[in-house]
Amino acid sequence: MLNRRKAIGFALAGAAAFRFGTITAATTTGFGDRDYAGAMVIDALGAAGGSDPSLPDDAPLSPKDIAEMGQVIYDSGKRLERLIENFLIYAQIELLGSDAQKISALRKKQTATARSLIEAHAREQARMAHRPQDLALEMEETAVPMSEDYLAKIVDELVQNAFKFSQVGTPVRVSFSNSSNVVTLSVTDQGRGFSTEHITKVGAYMQFDRKMQEQQGLGLGLTIAKRLTELHGGTLAIQSQRGAATTVTMKLPK
């Protein structure tokens, strides 16, 4: 039978694996934040009842407790997967940025069905956040001068952050429009907003207000979106203020 002592052991083992993965990725790419590992220790121990001294070590766990602990460990594993993926993508982007020939080839790629791709990825992020009812889409049909993989990555990062930093019941609006010489993707949320200082510090692997916000910060994901946009000759801008709407806008030349 799984009791509290064993559950804490499993939680600590998972946290150790998470920490090892974080440090390995950081060592490989030169960037990292070990707060992720500490966060998982707290989450996993909490799920196992490790923070409640009134529970005896041999106290059996109910099926509900086991399910909750399993969900915490699963979620932590998904965060690790995304973290390592982002480290590797960031390293790839930095290598691309120093090769003019590869940049030229990159800018020749197209996503012909951009509208359907953006809608699909935005809806998936809404589903994962358990907030499909909060997603609002305003889409036009046009091609985007970017590969499907890179466009999907930008959409995922921007929409995920919008849901992460806003409350259930508030709208997350994704707009995609086309003009004579530029395509524009914007994501707006009604969340807590960011200060000018935080916006100017968007760079490789920074977490914003970790002590005030349970979720991991914008950090590397937003930096990846910004660098990908710039590699394609575009711009990515953030408009926000504390306690008000935040809009992230990507513009790409056609």
C-alpha atoms as a PDB file:
ATOM      1  CA  MET A   1       0.000   0.000   0.000  1.00  0.00           C
ATOM      2  CA  LEU A   2       1.252   3.475  -0.820  1.00  0.00           C
ATOM      3  CA  ASN A   3       1.612   5.509   2.364  1.00  0.00           C
ATOM      4  CA  ARG A   4       2.781   9.020   3.093  1.00  0.00           C
ATOM      5  CA  ARG A   5       6.441   8.056   3.624  1.00  0.00           C
ATOM      6  CA  LYS A   6       6.647   6.254   0.272  1.00  0.00           C
ATOM      7  CA  ALA A   7       4.812   9.065  -1.469  1.00  0.00           C
ATOM      8  CA  ILE A   8       7.307  11.607  -0.173  1.00  0.00           C
ATOM      9  CA  GLY A   9      10.110   9.346  -1.388  1.00  0.00           C
ATOM     10  CA  PHE A  10       8.593   9.200  -4.877  1.00  0.00           C
ATOM     11  CA  ALA A  11       8.093  12.960  -4.852  1.00  0.00           C
ATOM     12  CA  LEU A  12      11.715  13.597  -3.895  1.00  0.00           C
ATOM     13  CA  ALA A  13      12.948  11.159  -6.530  1.00  0.00           C
ATOM     14  CA  GLY A  14      10.902  12.956  -9.141  1.00  0.00           C
ATOM     15  CA  ALA A  15      12.214  16.293  -7.949  1.00  0.00           C
ATOM     16  CA  ALA A  16      15.784  15.027  -8.188  1.00  0.00           C
ATOM     17  CA  ALA A  17      15.199  13.898 -11.775  1.00  0.00           C
ATOM     18  CA  PHE A  18      13.606  17.248 -12.570  1.00  0.00           C
ATOM     19  CA  ARG A  19      16.561  19.113 -11.056  1.00  0.00           C
ATOM     20  CA  PHE A  20      19.042  16.959 -12.984  1.00  0.00           C
ATOM     21  CA  GLY A  21      17.203  17.675 -16.243  1.00  0.00           C
ATOM     22  CA  THR A  22      17.121  21.401 -15.514  1.00  0.00           C
ATOM     23  CA  ILE A  23      20.840  21.581 -14.723  1.00  0.00           C
ATOM     24  CA  THR A  24      21.723  19.390 -17.719  1.00  0.00           C
ATOM     25  CA  ALA A  25      19.799  21.666 -20.081  1.00  0.00           C
ATOM     26  CA  ALA A  26      21.313  24.758 -18.505  1.00  0.00           C
ATOM     27  CA  THR A  27      24.815  23.341 -18.823  1.00  0.00           C
ATOM     28  CA  THR A  28      24.240  22.419 -22.471  1.00  0.00           C
ATOM     29  CA  THR A  29      23.012  25.847 -23.537  1.00  0.00           C
ATOM     30  CA  GLY A  30      24.516  28.191 -20.972  1.00  0.00           C
ATOM     31  CA  PHE A  31      21.203  29.339 -19.520  1.00  0.00           C
ATOM     32  CA  GLY A  32      19.142  28.111 -16.617  1.00  0.00           C
ATOM     33  CA  ASP A  33      17.084  28.795 -13.524  1.00  0.00           C
ATOM     34  CA  ARG A  34      17.226  26.268 -10.710  1.00  0.00           C
ATOM     35  CA  ASP A  35      14.089  27.668  -9.109  1.00  0.00           C
ATOM     36  CA  TYR A  36      12.167  25.191 -11.287  1.00  0.00           C
ATOM     37  CA  ALA A  37      13.625  22.295  -9.303  1.00  0.00           C
ATOM     38  CA  GLY A  38      12.751  23.909  -5.990  1.00  0.00           C
ATOM     39  CA  ALA A  39       9.243  24.555  -7.234  1.00  0.00           C
ATOM     40  CA  MET A  40       8.733  20.920  -8.052  1.00  0.00           C
ATOM     41  CA  VAL A  41       9.962  19.833  -4.595  1.00  0.00           C
ATOM     42  CA  ILE A  42       7.364  22.093  -2.980  1.00  0.00           C
ATOM     43  CA  ASP A  43       4.573  20.986  -5.335  1.00  0.00           C
ATOM     44  CA  ALA A  44       5.324  17.294  -5.053  1.00  0.00           C
ATOM     45  CA  LEU A  45       5.790  17.292  -1.282  1.00  0.00           C
ATOM     46  CA  GLY A  46       2.567  19.229  -0.902  1.00  0.00           C
ATOM     47  CA  ALA A  47       0.725  16.653  -2.979  1.00  0.00           C
ATOM     48  CA  ALA A  48       2.211  13.877  -0.854  1.00  0.00           C
ATOM     49  CA  GLY A  49       1.210  15.569   2.391  1.00  0.00           C
ATOM     50  CA  GLY A  50       4.820  16.370   3.207  1.00  0.00           C
ATOM     51  CA  SER A  51       3.974  19.818   4.500  1.00  0.00           C
ATOM     52  CA  ASP A  52       1.451  18.547   7.078  1.00  0.00           C
ATOM     53  CA  PRO A  53       3.265  17.348  10.251  1.00  0.00           C
ATOM     54  CA  SER A  54      -0.005  16.085  11.755  1.00  0.00           C
ATOM     55  CA  LEU A  55      -0.053  13.155   9.313  1.00  0.00           C
ATOM     56  CA  PRO A  56       1.889  10.046  10.424  1.00  0.00           C
ATOM     57  CA  ASP A  57       4.491   8.677   7.999  1.00  0.00           C
ATOM     58  CA  ASP A  58       2.627   5.379   7.626  1.00  0.00           C
ATOM     59  CA  ALA A  59      -0.720   7.023   6.962  1.00  0.00           C
ATOM     60  CA  PRO A  60      -2.271   5.404   3.875  1.00  0.00           C
ATOM     61  CA  LEU A  61      -3.139   7.622   0.951  1.00  0.00           C
ATOM     62  CA  SER A  62      -6.612   7.609  -0.519  1.00  0.00           C
ATOM     63  CA  PRO A  63      -7.154   7.042  -4.261  1.00  0.00           C
ATOM     64  CA  LYS A  64      -7.890  10.767  -4.542  1.00  0.00           C
ATOM     65  CA  ASP A  65      -4.557  11.644  -2.874  1.00  0.00           C
ATOM     66  CA  ILE A  66      -2.683   9.277  -5.183  1.00  0.00           C
ATOM     67  CA  ALA A  67      -4.405  10.730  -8.248  1.00  0.00           C
ATOM     68  CA  GLU A  68      -3.570  14.281  -7.163  1.00  0.00           C
ATOM     69  CA  MET A  69       0.066  13.390  -6.515  1.00  0.00           C
ATOM     70  CA  GLY A  70       0.291  11.651  -9.880  1.00  0.00           C
ATOM     71  CA  GLN A  71      -1.130  14.736 -11.600  1.00  0.00           C
ATOM     72  CA  VAL A  72       1.442  16.992  -9.906  1.00  0.00           C
ATOM     73  CA  ILE A  73       4.297  14.723 -11.000  1.00  0.00           C
ATOM     74  CA  TYR A  74       2.878  14.514 -14.534  1.00  0.00           C
ATOM     75  CA  ASP A  75       2.550  18.300 -14.742  1.00  0.00           C
ATOM     76  CA  SER A  76       6.107  18.723 -13.482  1.00  0.00           C
ATOM     77  CA  GLY A  77       7.314  16.292 -16.129  1.00  0.00           C
ATOM     78  CA  LYS A  78       5.544  18.291 -18.831  1.00  0.00           C
ATOM     79  CA  ARG A  79       7.200  21.476 -17.553  1.00  0.00           C
ATOM     80  CA  LEU A  80      10.564  19.761 -17.771  1.00  0.00           C
ATOM     81  CA  GLU A  81       9.823  18.603 -21.328  1.00  0.00           C
ATOM     82  CA  ARG A  82       8.903  22.141 -22.381  1.00  0.00           C
ATOM     83  CA  LEU A  83      11.903  23.581 -20.568  1.00  0.00           C
ATOM     84  CA  ILE A  84      14.406  21.328 -22.339  1.00  0.00           C
ATOM     85  CA  GLU A  85      12.653  21.867 -25.675  1.00  0.00           C
ATOM     86  CA  ASN A  86      12.942  25.631 -25.227  1.00  0.00           C
ATOM     87  CA  PHE A  87      16.615  25.434 -24.293  1.00  0.00           C
ATOM     88  CA  LEU A  88      17.346  23.468 -27.450  1.00  0.00           C
ATOM     89  CA  ILE A  89      15.266  25.776 -29.661  1.00  0.00           C
ATOM     90  CA  TYR A  90      16.978  28.827 -28.200  1.00  0.00           C
ATOM     91  CA  ALA A  91      20.407  27.340 -28.899  1.00  0.00           C
ATOM     92  CA  GLN A  92      19.323  26.555 -32.468  1.00  0.00           C
ATOM     93  CA  ILE A  93      18.068  30.107 -32.978  1.00  0.00           C
ATOM     94  CA  GLU A  94      21.327  31.605 -31.764  1.00  0.00           C
ATOM     95  CA  LEU A  95      23.269  29.455 -34.229  1.00  0.00           C
ATOM     96  CA  LEU A  96      20.944  30.484 -37.060  1.00  0.00           C
ATOM     97  CA  GLY A  97      21.380  34.137 -36.183  1.00  0.00           C
ATOM     98  CA  SER A  98      25.076  34.042 -37.039  1.00  0.00           C
ATOM     99  CA  ASP A  99      24.624  32.462 -40.485  1.00  0.00           C
ATOM    100  CA  ALA A 100      23.401  34.886 -43.176  1.00  0.00           C
ATOM    101  CA  GLN A 101      22.837  32.100 -45.696  1.00  0.00           C
ATOM    102  CA  LYS A 102      20.593  30.152 -43.341  1.00  0.00           C
ATOM    103  CA  ILE A 103      18.643  33.289 -42.441  1.00  0.00           C
ATOM    104  CA  SER A 104      18.030  33.956 -46.129  1.00  0.00           C
ATOM    105  CA  ALA A 105      16.770  30.389 -46.630  1.00  0.00           C
ATOM    106  CA  LEU A 106      14.619  30.688 -43.497  1.00  0.00           C
ATOM    107  CA  ARG A 107      12.827  33.779 -44.830  1.00  0.00           C
ATOM    108  CA  LYS A 108      11.815  31.988 -48.023  1.00  0.00           C
ATOM    109  CA  LYS A 109       9.594  29.529 -46.185  1.00  0.00           C
ATOM    110  CA  GLN A 110       5.826  30.017 -46.055  1.00  0.00           C
ATOM    111  CA  THR A 111       2.807  28.846 -44.120  1.00  0.00           C
ATOM    112  CA  ALA A 112       0.033  28.929 -46.702  1.00  0.00           C
ATOM    113  CA  THR A 113      -2.799  28.020 -44.312  1.00  0.00           C
ATOM    114  CA  ALA A 114      -1.793  30.254 -41.415  1.00  0.00           C
ATOM    115  CA  ARG A 115      -5.342  30.897 -40.210  1.00  0.00           C
ATOM    116  CA  SER A 116      -6.141  27.243 -39.551  1.00  0.00           C
ATOM    117  CA  LEU A 117      -2.763  26.662 -37.893  1.00  0.00           C
ATOM    118  CA  ILE A 118      -3.146  29.652 -35.559  1.00  0.00           C
ATOM    119  CA  GLU A 119      -6.714  28.683 -34.660  1.00  0.00           C
ATOM    120  CA  ALA A 120      -5.757  25.077 -33.938  1.00  0.00           C
ATOM    121  CA  HIS A 121      -2.845  25.966 -31.681  1.00  0.00           C
ATOM    122  CA  ALA A 122      -4.742  28.720 -29.877  1.00  0.00           C
ATOM    123  CA  ARG A 123      -7.645  26.345 -29.183  1.00  0.00           C
ATOM    124  CA  GLU A 124      -5.251  23.682 -27.903  1.00  0.00           C
ATOM    125  CA  GLN A 125      -3.657  26.137 -25.476  1.00  0.00           C
ATOM    126  CA  ALA A 126      -7.134  27.163 -24.286  1.00  0.00           C
ATOM    127  CA  ARG A 127      -8.030  23.503 -23.784  1.00  0.00           C
ATOM    128  CA  MET A 128      -4.853  22.832 -21.816  1.00  0.00           C
ATOM    129  CA  ALA A 129      -5.593  25.840 -19.606  1.00  0.00           C
ATOM    130  CA  HIS A 130      -9.173  24.511 -19.087  1.00  0.00           C
ATOM    131  CA  ARG A 131     -10.485  27.816 -20.499  1.00  0.00           C
ATOM    132  CA  PRO A 132     -11.908  27.193 -23.980  1.00  0.00           C
ATOM    133  CA  GLN A 133     -14.793  29.547 -23.221  1.00  0.00           C
ATOM    134  CA  ASP A 134     -12.362  32.452 -22.649  1.00  0.00           C
ATOM    135  CA  LEU A 135     -10.746  32.279 -26.093  1.00  0.00           C
ATOM    136  CA  ALA A 136     -11.838  34.841 -28.707  1.00  0.00           C
ATOM    137  CA  LEU A 137     -10.551  34.595 -32.283  1.00  0.00           C
ATOM    138  CA  GLU A 138     -10.478  37.259 -34.986  1.00  0.00           C
ATOM    139  CA  MET A 139      -8.921  35.672 -38.046  1.00  0.00           C
ATOM    140  CA  GLU A 140      -8.206  36.654 -41.627  1.00  0.00           C
ATOM    141  CA  GLU A 141      -6.886  34.240 -44.240  1.00  0.00           C
ATOM    142  CA  THR A 142      -3.424  34.921 -45.590  1.00  0.00           C
ATOM    143  CA  ALA A 143      -0.043  33.247 -45.943  1.00  0.00           C
ATOM    144  CA  VAL A 144       2.746  33.932 -43.443  1.00  0.00           C
ATOM    145  CA  PRO A 145       6.417  34.142 -44.486  1.00  0.00           C
ATOM    146  CA  MET A 146       7.519  31.631 -41.855  1.00  0.00           C
ATOM    147  CA  SER A 147       7.650  27.851 -41.542  1.00  0.00           C
ATOM    148  CA  GLU A 148       4.717  26.085 -39.896  1.00  0.00           C
ATOM    149  CA  ASP A 149       6.869  24.822 -37.020  1.00  0.00           C
ATOM    150  CA  TYR A 150       8.171  28.252 -36.086  1.00  0.00           C
ATOM    151  CA  LEU A 151       4.779  29.957 -36.457  1.00  0.00           C
ATOM    152  CA  ALA A 152       3.195  27.279 -34.274  1.00  0.00           C
ATOM    153  CA  LYS A 153       5.889  27.798 -31.634  1.00  0.00           C
ATOM    154  CA  ILE A 154       5.235  31.540 -31.501  1.00  0.00           C
ATOM    155  CA  VAL A 155       1.466  31.040 -31.219  1.00  0.00           C
ATOM    156  CA  ASP A 156       1.901  28.446 -28.472  1.00  0.00           C
ATOM    157  CA  GLU A 157       4.185  30.668 -26.401  1.00  0.00           C
ATOM    158  CA  LEU A 158       2.118  33.844 -26.710  1.00  0.00           C
ATOM    159  CA  VAL A 159      -1.257  32.223 -26.087  1.00  0.00           C
ATOM    160  CA  GLN A 160       0.011  30.044 -23.248  1.00  0.00           C
ATOM    161  CA  ASN A 161       1.431  33.098 -21.486  1.00  0.00           C
ATOM    162  CA  ALA A 162      -1.835  34.989 -21.965  1.00  0.00           C
ATOM    163  CA  PHE A 163      -3.787  32.241 -20.218  1.00  0.00           C
ATOM    164  CA  LYS A 164      -1.116  31.790 -17.574  1.00  0.00           C
ATOM    165  CA  PHE A 165      -1.146  35.421 -16.469  1.00  0.00           C
ATOM    166  CA  SER A 166      -4.899  36.055 -16.540  1.00  0.00           C
ATOM    167  CA  GLN A 167      -7.835  34.816 -14.530  1.00  0.00           C
ATOM    168  CA  VAL A 168     -10.509  32.313 -15.477  1.00  0.00           C
ATOM    169  CA  GLY A 169     -13.502  34.123 -16.930  1.00  0.00           C
ATOM    170  CA  THR A 170     -11.498  36.917 -18.538  1.00  0.00           C
ATOM    171  CA  PRO A 171     -11.035  36.918 -22.328  1.00  0.00           C
ATOM    172  CA  VAL A 172      -7.880  36.023 -24.226  1.00  0.00           C
ATOM    173  CA  ARG A 173      -8.181  37.528 -27.698  1.00  0.00           C
ATOM    174  CA  VAL A 174      -6.110  36.259 -30.630  1.00  0.00           C
ATOM    175  CA  SER A 175      -6.196  38.421 -33.762  1.00  0.00           C
ATOM    176  CA  PHE A 176      -4.599  37.713 -37.119  1.00  0.00           C
ATOM    177  CA  SER A 177      -4.809  40.328 -39.870  1.00  0.00           C
ATOM    178  CA  ASN A 178      -3.343  41.147 -43.246  1.00  0.00           C
ATOM    179  CA  SER A 179      -2.457  44.435 -44.922  1.00  0.00           C
ATOM    180  CA  SER A 180      -0.686  45.314 -48.142  1.00  0.00           C
ATOM    181  CA  ASN A 181       2.818  44.826 -46.781  1.00  0.00           C
ATOM    182  CA  VAL A 182       2.597  43.195 -43.355  1.00  0.00           C
ATOM    183  CA  VAL A 183       0.862  40.386 -41.484  1.00  0.00           C
ATOM    184  CA  THR A 184       0.003  40.947 -37.831  1.00  0.00           C
ATOM    185  CA  LEU A 185      -0.624  38.492 -35.013  1.00  0.00           C
ATOM    186  CA  SER A 186      -1.672  39.907 -31.656  1.00  0.00           C
ATOM    187  CA  VAL A 187      -2.611  38.234 -28.380  1.00  0.00           C
ATOM    188  CA  THR A 188      -4.389  40.258 -25.679  1.00  0.00           C
ATOM    189  CA  ASP A 189      -5.307  39.269 -22.133  1.00  0.00           C
ATOM    190  CA  GLN A 190      -6.916  41.114 -19.224  1.00  0.00           C
ATOM    191  CA  GLY A 191      -4.437  39.856 -16.656  1.00  0.00           C
ATOM    192  CA  ARG A 192      -2.144  41.373 -14.068  1.00  0.00           C
ATOM    193  CA  GLY A 193       0.032  43.212 -16.591  1.00  0.00           C
ATOM    194  CA  PHE A 194       3.755  43.891 -16.535  1.00  0.00           C
ATOM    195  CA  SER A 195       5.793  46.915 -15.635  1.00  0.00           C
ATOM    196  CA  THR A 196       7.999  48.751 -18.112  1.00  0.00           C
ATOM    197  CA  GLU A 197      11.019  47.390 -16.242  1.00  0.00           C
ATOM    198  CA  HIS A 198       9.888  43.809 -16.730  1.00  0.00           C
ATOM    199  CA  ILE A 199       9.169  44.353 -20.421  1.00  0.00           C
ATOM    200  CA  THR A 200      12.628  45.797 -21.050  1.00  0.00           C
ATOM    201  CA  LYS A 201      14.173  42.789 -19.309  1.00  0.00           C
ATOM    202  CA  VAL A 202      12.709  40.257 -21.724  1.00  0.00           C
ATOM    203  CA  GLY A 203      15.775  38.121 -22.338  1.00  0.00           C
ATOM    204  CA  ALA A 204      17.029  34.583 -22.115  1.00  0.00           C
ATOM    205  CA  TYR A 205      15.502  32.802 -19.180  1.00  0.00           C
ATOM    206  CA  MET A 206      14.151  35.326 -16.752  1.00  0.00           C
ATOM    207  CA  GLN A 207      11.145  34.687 -14.544  1.00  0.00           C
ATOM    208  CA  PHE A 208       8.913  37.633 -13.670  1.00  0.00           C
ATOM    209  CA  ASP A 209       7.757  37.994 -10.059  1.00  0.00           C
ATOM    210  CA  ARG A 210       8.121  34.326  -9.193  1.00  0.00           C
ATOM    211  CA  LYS A 211       7.355  35.047  -5.537  1.00  0.00           C
ATOM    212  CA  MET A 212       4.064  36.695  -6.487  1.00  0.00           C
ATOM    213  CA  GLN A 213       3.086  34.300  -9.263  1.00  0.00           C
ATOM    214  CA  GLU A 214       2.830  30.538  -8.836  1.00  0.00           C
ATOM    215  CA  GLN A 215       3.387  29.782 -12.504  1.00  0.00           C
ATOM    216  CA  GLN A 216       6.718  30.055 -14.234  1.00  0.00           C
ATOM    217  CA  GLY A 217       7.333  33.435 -15.839  1.00  0.00           C
ATOM    218  CA  LEU A 218       7.472  34.594 -19.415  1.00  0.00           C
ATOM    219  CA  GLY A 219      11.217  34.028 -19.621  1.00  0.00           C
ATOM    220  CA  LEU A 220      12.708  31.948 -22.372  1.00  0.00           C
ATOM    221  CA  GLY A 221       9.459  31.262 -24.240  1.00  0.00           C
ATOM    222  CA  LEU A 222       8.820  34.936 -24.958  1.00  0.00           C
ATOM    223  CA  THR A 223      12.465  35.443 -25.877  1.00  0.00           C
ATOM    224  CA  ILE A 224      12.197  32.596 -28.389  1.00  0.00           C
ATOM    225  CA  ALA A 225       9.100  34.195 -29.942  1.00  0.00           C
ATOM    226  CA  LYS A 226      10.894  37.545 -30.160  1.00  0.00           C
ATOM    227  CA  ARG A 227      14.088  36.112 -31.680  1.00  0.00           C
ATOM    228  CA  LEU A 228      12.174  34.008 -34.222  1.00  0.00           C
ATOM    229  CA  THR A 229      10.227  37.083 -35.304  1.00  0.00           C
ATOM    230  CA  GLU A 230      13.408  39.125 -35.655  1.00  0.00           C
ATOM    231  CA  LEU A 231      15.144  36.399 -37.668  1.00  0.00           C
ATOM    232  CA  HIS A 232      12.297  36.698 -40.178  1.00  0.00           C
ATOM    233  CA  GLY A 233      12.706  40.466 -40.424  1.00  0.00           C
ATOM    234  CA  GLY A 234       9.775  41.272 -38.167  1.00  0.00           C
ATOM    235  CA  THR A 235       9.133  42.872 -34.794  1.00  0.00           C
ATOM    236  CA  LEU A 236       7.532  41.690 -31.565  1.00  0.00           C
ATOM    237  CA  ALA A 237       6.241  44.384 -29.208  1.00  0.00           C
ATOM    238  CA  ILE A 238       4.619  44.264 -25.761  1.00  0.00           C
ATOM    239  CA  GLN A 239       2.124  46.843 -24.542  1.00  0.00           C
ATOM    240  CA  SER A 240       1.168  46.470 -20.904  1.00  0.00           C
ATOM    241  CA  GLN A 241       0.738  48.123 -17.555  1.00  0.00           C
ATOM    242  CA  ARG A 242       0.175  46.812 -14.080  1.00  0.00           C
ATOM    243  CA  GLY A 243      -3.351  45.600 -13.486  1.00  0.00           C
ATOM    244  CA  ALA A 244      -4.457  46.268 -17.060  1.00  0.00           C
ATOM    245  CA  ALA A 245      -4.539  44.533 -20.425  1.00  0.00           C
ATOM    246  CA  THR A 246      -1.391  43.117 -21.996  1.00  0.00           C
ATOM    247  CA  THR A 247      -1.033  42.878 -25.769  1.00  0.00           C
ATOM    248  CA  VAL A 248       1.828  41.141 -27.531  1.00  0.00           C
ATOM    249  CA  THR A 249       2.000  41.962 -31.240  1.00  0.00           C
ATOM    250  CA  MET A 250       4.066  40.252 -33.916  1.00  0.00           C
ATOM    251  CA  LYS A 251       4.467  41.967 -37.285  1.00  0.00           C
ATOM    252  CA  LEU A 252       6.090  40.275 -40.264  1.00  0.00           C
ATOM    253  CA  PRO A 253       6.853  41.861 -43.653  1.00  0.00           C
ATOM    254  CA  LYS A 254       5.297  40.076 -46.619  1.00  0.00           C
END
